[in-house]
C-alpha atoms as a PDB file:
ATOM      1  CA  MET A   1      -8.810  51.808-224.063  1.00  0.00           C
ATOM      2  CA  ARG A   2      -7.668  53.445-220.833  1.00  0.00           C
ATOM      3  CA  ARG A   3      -4.039  53.366-221.975  1.00  0.00           C
ATOM      4  CA  ALA A   4      -5.004  54.955-225.301  1.00  0.00           C
ATOM      5  CA  HIS A   5      -6.943  57.646-223.461  1.00  0.00           C
ATOM      6  CA  ARG A   6      -4.010  58.469-221.187  1.00  0.00           C
ATOM      7  CA  HIS A   7      -1.676  58.556-224.171  1.00  0.00           C
ATOM      8  CA  ALA A   8      -3.962  60.974-226.022  1.00  0.00           C
ATOM      9  CA  VAL A   9      -4.194  63.235-222.973  1.00  0.00           C
ATOM     10  CA  TRP A  10      -0.414  63.239-222.570  1.00  0.00           C
ATOM     11  CA  GLU A  11       0.077  64.066-226.262  1.00  0.00           C
ATOM     12  CA  LEU A  12      -2.369  66.956-225.912  1.00  0.00           C
ATOM     13  CA  TYR A  13      -0.494  68.237-222.861  1.00  0.00           C
ATOM     14  CA  GLU A  14       2.861  68.026-224.652  1.00  0.00           C
ATOM     15  CA  ALA A  15       1.458  69.877-227.662  1.00  0.00           C
ATOM     16  CA  TYR A  16       0.080  72.577-225.357  1.00  0.00           C
ATOM     17  CA  GLU A  17       3.399  73.001-223.543  1.00  0.00           C
ATOM     18  CA  SER A  18       5.315  73.094-226.821  1.00  0.00           C
ATOM     19  CA  LEU A  19       3.020  75.777-228.261  1.00  0.00           C
ATOM     20  CA  ARG A  20       3.128  77.813-225.061  1.00  0.00           C
ATOM     21  CA  ASP A  21       6.932  77.690-224.991  1.00  0.00           C
ATOM     22  CA  GLU A  22       7.154  78.552-228.681  1.00  0.00           C
ATOM     23  CA  ARG A  23       5.041  81.673-228.209  1.00  0.00           C
ATOM     24  CA  GLY A  24       6.808  82.679-224.998  1.00  0.00           C
ATOM     25  CA  VAL A  25       3.673  82.931-222.875  1.00  0.00           C
ATOM     26  CA  HIS A  26       2.868  81.722-219.368  1.00  0.00           C
ATOM     27  CA  ASP A  27      -0.269  80.156-217.941  1.00  0.00           C
ATOM     28  CA  PHE A  28      -1.437  80.418-214.348  1.00  0.00           C
ATOM     29  CA  ASN A  29       0.618  77.430-213.187  1.00  0.00           C
ATOM     30  CA  ASP A  30       3.748  79.006-214.676  1.00  0.00           C
ATOM     31  CA  VAL A  31       3.101  82.248-212.812  1.00  0.00           C
ATOM     32  CA  LEU A  32       2.921  80.371-209.511  1.00  0.00           C
ATOM     33  CA  SER A  33       6.035  78.326-210.306  1.00  0.00           C
ATOM     34  CA  LEU A  34       8.001  81.443-211.244  1.00  0.00           C
ATOM     35  CA  ALA A  35       6.891  83.175-208.066  1.00  0.00           C
ATOM     36  CA  LEU A  36       7.954  80.146-206.022  1.00  0.00           C
ATOM     37  CA  GLU A  37      11.376  80.146-207.687  1.00  0.00           C
ATOM     38  CA  GLU A  38      11.786  83.823-206.862  1.00  0.00           C
ATOM     39  CA  ALA A  39      10.758  83.224-203.246  1.00  0.00           C
ATOM     40  CA  HIS A  40      13.321  80.418-202.956  1.00  0.00           C
ATOM     41  CA  ARG A  41      16.034  82.708-204.296  1.00  0.00           C
ATOM     42  CA  ARG A  42      15.302  85.002-201.370  1.00  0.00           C
ATOM     43  CA  ALA A  43      15.654  82.229-198.813  1.00  0.00           C
ATOM     44  CA  GLY A  44      15.775  83.600-195.301  1.00  0.00           C
ATOM     45  CA  GLN A  45      14.147  86.875-196.340  1.00  0.00           C
ATOM     46  CA  HIS A  46      10.533  86.424-195.287  1.00  0.00           C
ATOM     47  CA  PRO A  47       8.609  89.610-196.171  1.00  0.00           C
ATOM     48  CA  TYR A  48       5.542  88.692-194.111  1.00  0.00           C
ATOM     49  CA  THR A  49       5.059  87.917-190.438  1.00  0.00           C
ATOM     50  CA  ALA A  50       1.833  86.027-191.136  1.00  0.00           C
ATOM     51  CA  VAL A  51      -0.125  84.614-194.063  1.00  0.00           C
ATOM     52  CA  VAL A  52      -3.857  83.908-193.694  1.00  0.00           C
ATOM     53  CA  VAL A  53      -5.670  81.928-196.377  1.00  0.00           C
ATOM     54  CA  ASP A  54      -9.315  80.878-196.684  1.00  0.00           C
ATOM     55  CA  GLU A  55     -10.718  78.290-199.144  1.00  0.00           C
ATOM     56  CA  VAL A  56      -7.269  76.733-199.246  1.00  0.00           C
ATOM     57  CA  GLN A  57      -8.633  73.419-200.552  1.00  0.00           C
ATOM     58  CA  ASP A  58      -8.857  74.935-204.047  1.00  0.00           C
ATOM     59  CA  LEU A  59      -5.191  75.901-204.230  1.00  0.00           C
ATOM     60  CA  THR A  60      -2.583  73.805-205.996  1.00  0.00           C
ATOM     61  CA  LEU A  61       0.397  72.249-204.268  1.00  0.00           C
ATOM     62  CA  VAL A  62       2.642  74.882-205.870  1.00  0.00           C
ATOM     63  CA  GLY A  63       0.385  77.616-204.505  1.00  0.00           C
ATOM     64  CA  VAL A  64       0.572  76.242-200.966  1.00  0.00           C
ATOM     65  CA  ARG A  65       4.347  75.895-201.196  1.00  0.00           C
ATOM     66  CA  LEU A  66       4.555  79.522-202.281  1.00  0.00           C
ATOM     67  CA  LEU A  67       2.542  80.688-199.267  1.00  0.00           C
ATOM     68  CA  HIS A  68       4.696  78.613-196.932  1.00  0.00           C
ATOM     69  CA  THR A  69       7.880  80.009-198.456  1.00  0.00           C
ATOM     70  CA  LEU A  70       6.684  83.604-198.002  1.00  0.00           C
ATOM     71  CA  VAL A  71       6.433  83.224-194.232  1.00  0.00           C
ATOM     72  CA  GLY A  72       8.700  80.279-193.426  1.00  0.00           C
ATOM     73  CA  ASP A  73       8.218  78.244-190.263  1.00  0.00           C
ATOM     74  CA  ALA A  74       7.600  81.214-187.985  1.00  0.00           C
ATOM     75  CA  PRO A  75       5.350  80.386-184.973  1.00  0.00           C
ATOM     76  CA  ASN A  76       1.722  81.144-185.913  1.00  0.00           C
ATOM     77  CA  GLY A  77       2.960  82.443-189.235  1.00  0.00           C
ATOM     78  CA  LEU A  78       0.634  80.416-191.442  1.00  0.00           C
ATOM     79  CA  LEU A  79      -3.135  80.080-190.956  1.00  0.00           C
ATOM     80  CA  LEU A  80      -4.892  77.896-193.499  1.00  0.00           C
ATOM     81  CA  VAL A  81      -8.651  77.378-193.479  1.00  0.00           C
ATOM     82  CA  GLY A  82     -10.251  74.911-195.850  1.00  0.00           C
ATOM     83  CA  ASP A  83     -12.826  72.192-196.353  1.00  0.00           C
ATOM     84  CA  GLY A  84     -11.936  69.324-198.644  1.00  0.00           C
ATOM     85  CA  GLN A  85     -15.608  68.531-199.111  1.00  0.00           C
ATOM     86  CA  GLN A  86     -16.038  71.897-200.821  1.00  0.00           C
ATOM     87  CA  ALA A  87     -13.242  71.447-203.344  1.00  0.00           C
ATOM     88  CA  VAL A  88     -14.632  72.552-206.715  1.00  0.00           C
ATOM     89  CA  TYR A  89     -11.560  72.006-208.887  1.00  0.00           C
ATOM     90  CA  PRO A  90      -9.816  68.751-209.838  1.00  0.00           C
ATOM     91  CA  GLY A  91      -6.508  67.903-208.252  1.00  0.00           C
ATOM     92  CA  GLY A  92      -5.551  68.459-204.652  1.00  0.00           C
ATOM     93  CA  PHE A  93      -2.621  68.328-202.266  1.00  0.00           C
ATOM     94  CA  ARG A  94      -1.490  67.305-198.829  1.00  0.00           C
ATOM     95  CA  LEU A  95       0.051  69.794-196.450  1.00  0.00           C
ATOM     96  CA  ALA A  96       2.860  67.346-195.742  1.00  0.00           C
ATOM     97  CA  ASP A  97       3.817  67.472-199.437  1.00  0.00           C
ATOM     98  CA  ALA A  98       4.203  71.245-199.065  1.00  0.00           C
ATOM     99  CA  GLY A  99       6.504  70.819-196.067  1.00  0.00           C
ATOM    100  CA  ILE A 100       3.849  71.922-193.586  1.00  0.00           C
ATOM    101  CA  ASP A 101       3.627  69.888-190.383  1.00  0.00           C
ATOM    102  CA  ILE A 102       0.327  70.117-188.478  1.00  0.00           C
ATOM    103  CA  ARG A 103       0.908  67.274-186.041  1.00  0.00           C
ATOM    104  CA  GLY A 104       0.028  67.868-182.418  1.00  0.00           C
ATOM    105  CA  ASP A 105      -2.333  70.741-181.773  1.00  0.00           C
ATOM    106  CA  ARG A 106      -1.392  72.723-184.883  1.00  0.00           C
ATOM    107  CA  GLY A 107      -4.471  71.500-186.737  1.00  0.00           C
ATOM    108  CA  GLN A 108      -8.047  71.900-185.574  1.00  0.00           C
ATOM    109  CA  VAL A 109     -11.286  70.549-187.052  1.00  0.00           C
ATOM    110  CA  LEU A 110     -14.149  73.072-187.022  1.00  0.00           C
ATOM    111  CA  ARG A 111     -17.505  71.329-186.695  1.00  0.00           C
ATOM    112  CA  THR A 112     -19.974  74.198-186.220  1.00  0.00           C
ATOM    113  CA  ASN A 113     -22.124  75.380-189.129  1.00  0.00           C
ATOM    114  CA  TYR A 114     -23.344  78.955-188.722  1.00  0.00           C
ATOM    115  CA  ARG A 115     -25.220  79.300-192.023  1.00  0.00           C
ATOM    116  CA  ASN A 116     -27.474  76.391-192.924  1.00  0.00           C
ATOM    117  CA  SER A 117     -30.554  74.975-191.274  1.00  0.00           C
ATOM    118  CA  LYS A 118     -30.858  71.246-190.657  1.00  0.00           C
ATOM    119  CA  GLU A 119     -33.167  70.789-193.671  1.00  0.00           C
ATOM    120  CA  ILE A 120     -30.854  72.555-196.100  1.00  0.00           C
ATOM    121  CA  LEU A 121     -27.706  70.888-194.812  1.00  0.00           C
ATOM    122  CA  GLU A 122     -29.323  67.451-194.851  1.00  0.00           C
ATOM    123  CA  ALA A 123     -30.355  67.903-198.484  1.00  0.00           C
ATOM    124  CA  ALA A 124     -26.800  68.936-199.400  1.00  0.00           C
ATOM    125  CA  LEU A 125     -25.142  66.118-197.466  1.00  0.00           C
ATOM    126  CA  THR A 126     -27.393  63.576-199.172  1.00  0.00           C
ATOM    127  CA  VAL A 127     -25.758  64.507-202.493  1.00  0.00           C
ATOM    128  CA  VAL A 128     -22.244  63.652-201.229  1.00  0.00           C
ATOM    129  CA  ALA A 129     -23.151  61.036-198.619  1.00  0.00           C
ATOM    130  CA  ASP A 130     -21.468  58.183-200.506  1.00  0.00           C
ATOM    131  CA  ASP A 131     -18.321  60.150-201.351  1.00  0.00           C
ATOM    132  CA  THR A 132     -15.270  60.227-199.141  1.00  0.00           C
ATOM    133  CA  PHE A 133     -13.002  63.215-199.499  1.00  0.00           C
ATOM    134  CA  GLU A 134      -9.460  64.033-198.553  1.00  0.00           C
ATOM    135  CA  ASP A 135      -9.197  67.033-196.269  1.00  0.00           C
ATOM    136  CA  ILE A 136      -6.134  69.244-196.246  1.00  0.00           C
ATOM    137  CA  ASP A 137      -4.597  67.183-193.445  1.00  0.00           C
ATOM    138  CA  GLY A 138      -4.482  64.184-195.794  1.00  0.00           C
ATOM    139  CA  LEU A 139      -7.089  62.107-193.947  1.00  0.00           C
ATOM    140  CA  ARG A 140     -10.011  60.481-195.739  1.00  0.00           C
ATOM    141  CA  THR A 141     -13.316  61.722-194.321  1.00  0.00           C
ATOM    142  CA  PRO A 142     -16.828  60.356-194.930  1.00  0.00           C
ATOM    143  CA  GLY A 143     -19.234  62.500-196.921  1.00  0.00           C
ATOM    144  CA  ARG A 144     -21.806  62.591-194.148  1.00  0.00           C
ATOM    145  CA  ARG A 145     -20.120  64.248-191.189  1.00  0.00           C
ATOM    146  CA  ASP A 146     -21.200  65.128-187.678  1.00  0.00           C
ATOM    147  CA  ILE A 147     -21.883  68.867-187.668  1.00  0.00           C
ATOM    148  CA  ASP A 148     -23.181  71.176-184.948  1.00  0.00           C
ATOM    149  CA  LEU A 149     -25.827  73.643-186.086  1.00  0.00           C
ATOM    150  CA  THR A 150     -26.568  77.116-184.733  1.00  0.00           C
ATOM    151  CA  TYR A 151     -29.328  78.034-187.209  1.00  0.00           C
ATOM    152  CA  HIS A 152     -32.597  76.159-187.444  1.00  0.00           C
ATOM    153  CA  ASP A 153     -35.018  78.237-189.543  1.00  0.00           C
ATOM    154  CA  GLY A 154     -34.932  77.140-193.159  1.00  0.00           C
ATOM    155  CA  GLN A 155     -36.700  75.079-195.763  1.00  0.00           C
ATOM    156  CA  VAL A 156     -36.083  73.093-198.930  1.00  0.00           C
ATOM    157  CA  THR A 157     -38.573  73.392-201.797  1.00  0.00           C
ATOM    158  CA  ARG A 158     -38.469  70.916-204.682  1.00  0.00           C
ATOM    159  CA  ALA A 159     -40.088  71.632-208.040  1.00  0.00           C
ATOM    160  CA  SER A 160     -40.146  68.659-210.417  1.00  0.00           C
ATOM    161  CA  ARG A 161     -41.787  69.259-213.790  1.00  0.00           C
ATOM    162  CA  PRO A 162     -42.131  67.081-216.932  1.00  0.00           C
ATOM    163  CA  THR A 163     -40.799  69.725-219.355  1.00  0.00           C
ATOM    164  CA  ARG A 164     -38.203  72.459-219.218  1.00  0.00           C
ATOM    165  CA  ALA A 165     -40.839  75.076-220.071  1.00  0.00           C
ATOM    166  CA  GLU A 166     -42.954  74.058-217.077  1.00  0.00           C
ATOM    167  CA  HIS A 167     -39.851  73.908-214.889  1.00  0.00           C
ATOM    168  CA  ASP A 168     -38.841  77.430-215.936  1.00  0.00           C
ATOM    169  CA  GLN A 169     -42.349  78.701-215.274  1.00  0.00           C
ATOM    170  CA  ALA A 170     -42.193  77.255-211.759  1.00  0.00           C
ATOM    171  CA  LEU A 171     -38.912  79.109-211.205  1.00  0.00           C
ATOM    172  CA  LEU A 172     -40.426  82.381-212.403  1.00  0.00           C
ATOM    173  CA  GLU A 173     -43.433  81.931-210.141  1.00  0.00           C
ATOM    174  CA  ALA A 174     -41.141  81.338-207.168  1.00  0.00           C
ATOM    175  CA  LEU A 175     -39.098  84.452-207.952  1.00  0.00           C
ATOM    176  CA  HIS A 176     -42.179  86.586-208.616  1.00  0.00           C
ATOM    177  CA  GLY A 177     -43.357  85.571-205.158  1.00  0.00           C
ATOM    178  CA  LEU A 178     -40.411  87.398-203.608  1.00  0.00           C
ATOM    179  CA  ALA A 179     -40.984  90.825-202.154  1.00  0.00           C
ATOM    180  CA  PRO A 180     -38.870  93.462-203.961  1.00  0.00           C
ATOM    181  CA  SER A 181     -36.782  93.887-200.807  1.00  0.00           C
ATOM    182  CA  ALA A 182     -36.035  90.143-200.771  1.00  0.00           C
ATOM    183  CA  ARG A 183     -34.366  90.177-204.189  1.00  0.00           C
ATOM    184  CA  ALA A 184     -31.155  91.487-202.663  1.00  0.00           C
ATOM    185  CA  GLY A 185     -30.755  88.225-200.775  1.00  0.00           C
ATOM    186  CA  ALA A 186     -31.704  85.855-203.611  1.00  0.00           C
ATOM    187  CA  ALA A 187     -29.485  84.054-206.113  1.00  0.00           C
ATOM    188  CA  VAL A 188     -30.035  81.760-209.089  1.00  0.00           C
ATOM    189  CA  LEU A 189     -27.013  79.493-209.453  1.00  0.00           C
ATOM    190  CA  CYS A 190     -26.198  77.370-212.497  1.00  0.00           C
ATOM    191  CA  PRO A 191     -23.568  74.721-213.327  1.00  0.00           C
ATOM    192  CA  SER A 192     -22.584  76.112-216.750  1.00  0.00           C
ATOM    193  CA  LEU A 193     -22.265  79.331-218.755  1.00  0.00           C
ATOM    194  CA  ARG A 194     -24.936  78.100-221.151  1.00  0.00           C
ATOM    195  CA  ALA A 195     -27.394  77.652-218.299  1.00  0.00           C
ATOM    196  CA  ILE A 196     -26.514  81.079-216.881  1.00  0.00           C
ATOM    197  CA  ASP A 197     -27.212  82.686-220.264  1.00  0.00           C
ATOM    198  CA  HIS A 198     -30.538  80.863-220.572  1.00  0.00           C
ATOM    199  CA  TYR A 199     -31.816  81.789-217.130  1.00  0.00           C
ATOM    200  CA  GLN A 200     -30.559  85.358-217.240  1.00  0.00           C
ATOM    201  CA  ARG A 201     -32.531  85.939-220.445  1.00  0.00           C
ATOM    202  CA  LEU A 202     -35.548  84.155-218.942  1.00  0.00           C
ATOM    203  CA  LEU A 203     -35.563  86.391-215.856  1.00  0.00           C
ATOM    204  CA  GLU A 204     -34.976  89.586-217.808  1.00  0.00           C
ATOM    205  CA  ARG A 205     -37.834  88.816-220.197  1.00  0.00           C
ATOM    206  CA  ALA A 206     -40.076  88.252-217.167  1.00  0.00           C
ATOM    207  CA  GLY A 207     -39.183  91.684-215.786  1.00  0.00           C
ATOM    208  CA  ILE A 208     -37.112  90.351-212.869  1.00  0.00           C
ATOM    209  CA  PRO A 209     -34.055  92.548-212.173  1.00  0.00           C
ATOM    210  CA  VAL A 210     -30.822  90.562-212.489  1.00  0.00           C
ATOM    211  CA  CYS A 211     -27.282  91.199-211.241  1.00  0.00           C
ATOM    212  CA  PRO A 212     -24.524  88.891-212.570  1.00  0.00           C
ATOM    213  CA  LEU A 213     -22.241  87.644-209.807  1.00  0.00           C
ATOM    214  CA  GLU A 214     -19.270  88.955-211.817  1.00  0.00           C
ATOM    215  CA  GLN A 215     -20.598  92.460-211.123  1.00  0.00           C
ATOM    216  CA  TYR A 216     -21.630  91.855-207.514  1.00  0.00           C
ATOM    217  CA  ASP A 217     -19.318  93.409-204.921  1.00  0.00           C
ATOM    218  CA  GLY A 218     -21.229  92.409-201.789  1.00  0.00           C
ATOM    219  CA  HIS A 219     -23.229  95.591-201.392  1.00  0.00           C
ATOM    220  CA  PRO A 220     -27.043  95.220-201.353  1.00  0.00           C
ATOM    221  CA  VAL A 221     -28.526  95.345-204.854  1.00  0.00           C
ATOM    222  CA  ASP A 222     -32.262  95.201-205.516  1.00  0.00           C
ATOM    223  CA  ALA A 223     -31.845  92.394-208.026  1.00  0.00           C
ATOM    224  CA  VAL A 224     -31.623  88.621-208.123  1.00  0.00           C
ATOM    225  CA  LYS A 225     -28.005  87.515-208.386  1.00  0.00           C
ATOM    226  CA  ILE A 226     -27.165  85.009-211.089  1.00  0.00           C
ATOM    227  CA  GLY A 227     -23.957  83.103-211.685  1.00  0.00           C
ATOM    228  CA  SER A 228     -22.154  79.797-211.573  1.00  0.00           C
ATOM    229  CA  TYR A 229     -21.657  77.394-208.711  1.00  0.00           C
ATOM    230  CA  LEU A 230     -17.960  78.275-208.796  1.00  0.00           C
ATOM    231  CA  ARG A 231     -18.538  82.034-208.724  1.00  0.00           C
ATOM    232  CA  ALA A 232     -20.814  81.638-205.691  1.00  0.00           C
ATOM    233  CA  LYS A 233     -18.020  79.974-203.716  1.00  0.00           C
ATOM    234  CA  GLY A 234     -17.507  81.788-200.412  1.00  0.00           C
ATOM    235  CA  LEU A 235     -20.813  83.680-200.683  1.00  0.00           C
ATOM    236  CA  GLU A 236     -24.154  83.136-198.983  1.00  0.00           C
ATOM    237  CA  PHE A 237     -27.720  84.207-199.719  1.00  0.00           C
ATOM    238  CA  LYS A 238     -31.017  84.099-197.887  1.00  0.00           C
ATOM    239  CA  SER A 239     -32.625  82.279-200.820  1.00  0.00           C
ATOM    240  CA  VAL A 240     -30.876  80.105-203.405  1.00  0.00           C
ATOM    241  CA  TYR A 241     -32.545  78.749-206.543  1.00  0.00           C
ATOM    242  CA  LEU A 242     -30.898  75.881-208.419  1.00  0.00           C
ATOM    243  CA  PRO A 243     -32.704  75.233-211.717  1.00  0.00           C
ATOM    244  CA  GLU A 244     -32.203  71.754-213.200  1.00  0.00           C
ATOM    245  CA  HIS A 245     -29.912  71.085-210.269  1.00  0.00           C
ATOM    246  CA  ASP A 246     -29.552  67.372-210.954  1.00  0.00           C
ATOM    247  CA  ALA A 247     -28.801  67.638-214.694  1.00  0.00           C
ATOM    248  CA  ALA A 248     -25.031  67.685-214.180  1.00  0.00           C
ATOM    249  CA  LEU A 249     -25.265  64.497-212.113  1.00  0.00           C
ATOM    250  CA  THR A 250     -26.861  62.512-214.917  1.00  0.00           C
ATOM    251  CA  ARG A 251     -24.635  63.354-217.885  1.00  0.00           C
ATOM    252  CA  PRO A 252     -24.339  60.499-220.396  1.00  0.00           C
ATOM    253  CA  VAL A 253     -21.293  58.253-220.337  1.00  0.00           C
ATOM    254  CA  THR A 254     -19.686  57.314-223.648  1.00  0.00           C
ATOM    255  CA  ALA A 255     -18.406  53.813-224.313  1.00  0.00           C
ATOM    256  CA  ASP A 256     -14.780  54.967-224.502  1.00  0.00           C
ATOM    257  CA  SER A 257     -14.843  56.969-221.260  1.00  0.00           C
ATOM    258  CA  PRO A 258     -12.379  55.495-218.731  1.00  0.00           C
ATOM    259  CA  SER A 259     -14.229  54.526-215.565  1.00  0.00           C
ATOM    260  CA  GLU A 260     -11.857  56.467-213.302  1.00  0.00           C
ATOM    261  CA  THR A 261     -12.370  59.601-215.406  1.00  0.00           C
ATOM    262  CA  VAL A 262     -16.138  59.239-215.173  1.00  0.00           C
ATOM    263  CA  ASP A 263     -15.952  58.658-211.419  1.00  0.00           C
ATOM    264  CA  GLU A 264     -13.760  61.732-210.889  1.00  0.00           C
ATOM    265  CA  ARG A 265     -16.042  63.852-213.063  1.00  0.00           C
ATOM    266  CA  ASP A 266     -19.179  62.748-211.261  1.00  0.00           C
ATOM    267  CA  GLU A 267     -17.631  63.212-207.814  1.00  0.00           C
ATOM    268  CA  LEU A 268     -16.515  66.715-208.752  1.00  0.00           C
ATOM    269  CA  ALA A 269     -20.011  67.535-210.027  1.00  0.00           C
ATOM    270  CA  ARG A 270     -21.515  66.378-206.727  1.00  0.00           C
ATOM    271  CA  SER A 271     -19.000  68.462-204.789  1.00  0.00           C
ATOM    272  CA  GLN A 272     -19.830  71.554-206.834  1.00  0.00           C
ATOM    273  CA  LEU A 273     -23.557  70.993-206.310  1.00  0.00           C
ATOM    274  CA  PHE A 274     -22.938  70.571-202.577  1.00  0.00           C
ATOM    275  CA  VAL A 275     -21.222  73.959-202.530  1.00  0.00           C
ATOM    276  CA  ALA A 276     -24.100  75.590-204.420  1.00  0.00           C
ATOM    277  CA  MET A 277     -26.730  74.100-202.096  1.00  0.00           C
ATOM    278  CA  THR A 278     -24.924  75.228-198.964  1.00  0.00           C
ATOM    279  CA  ARG A 279     -24.941  78.874-200.120  1.00  0.00           C
ATOM    280  CA  ALA A 280     -28.577  78.987-198.914  1.00  0.00           C
ATOM    281  CA  ARG A 281     -29.546  80.205-195.456  1.00  0.00           C
ATOM    282  CA  ASP A 282     -33.371  80.424-195.368  1.00  0.00           C
ATOM    283  CA  LEU A 283     -34.620  78.813-198.587  1.00  0.00           C
ATOM    284  CA  LEU A 284     -33.176  76.275-201.014  1.00  0.00           C
ATOM    285  CA  TRP A 285     -35.209  75.812-204.217  1.00  0.00           C
ATOM    286  CA  LEU A 286     -34.328  72.696-206.212  1.00  0.00           C
ATOM    287  CA  GLY A 287     -35.688  72.432-209.735  1.00  0.00           C
ATOM    288  CA  SER A 288     -35.760  69.251-211.835  1.00  0.00           C
ATOM    289  CA  VAL A 289     -36.985  68.229-215.264  1.00  0.00           C
ATOM    290  CA  CYS A 290     -38.326  64.669-215.172  1.00  0.00           C
ATOM    291  CA  ARG A 291     -38.558  63.696-218.821  1.00  0.00           C
END
């Protein structure tokens, strides 16, 4: 069954590549590959003295090679900051595969958390405690890490209800309890576009001002932000509300699903939830529907 699954995936990929080539269009991976080829053609002509990249764990190997090629091996020319535990896309890379050597004192592990309180971080780490992840230096790291905290005021609120209607009402009550001035620092984060659509309509019908994260530029807005776990990457909020937060962790498994595919899917879902939970500074609200 696994072999048949891999064969079907490969056939789908070949059909996609054939259609893309036939129509003369490029996808994102092609754009990066073409840019890398162009950078190689200009070998020795490095247009930048330094390249600084954050959230590097979500780049592809081709993307990292492109960055390295732009600056070369100049001293202090490349600064990469990333956290493998917060990878929200499948795939990954090792810096060594990109020709980047961080042996010696060229790589440093940052262990201080400046955002989350102990309660919020502990709740998030519990989700990924049994997962090991590969950091950008290629080393396997346990899910529960030793972290130094600088912020200690925060709380985790759990709302478990027997029906979705009761769960949604609990969310509305929590949001109605916010002072108007506190809306600017609040966000409702969801794992899917369908969930975003549902909760945006729910909040709007209840008279709660909403600002989609796609339209949020970082300036204070007197409205509750709403968007996906992925869109919230790199952001932080005083209060974060995660309705039906555990639904993505309990998706049904079909009989023909390869075990490694299921494991990768579930680990990625836990990683994405970990990212969403750690967007919270003062309050993390976790909603569940216990049918």
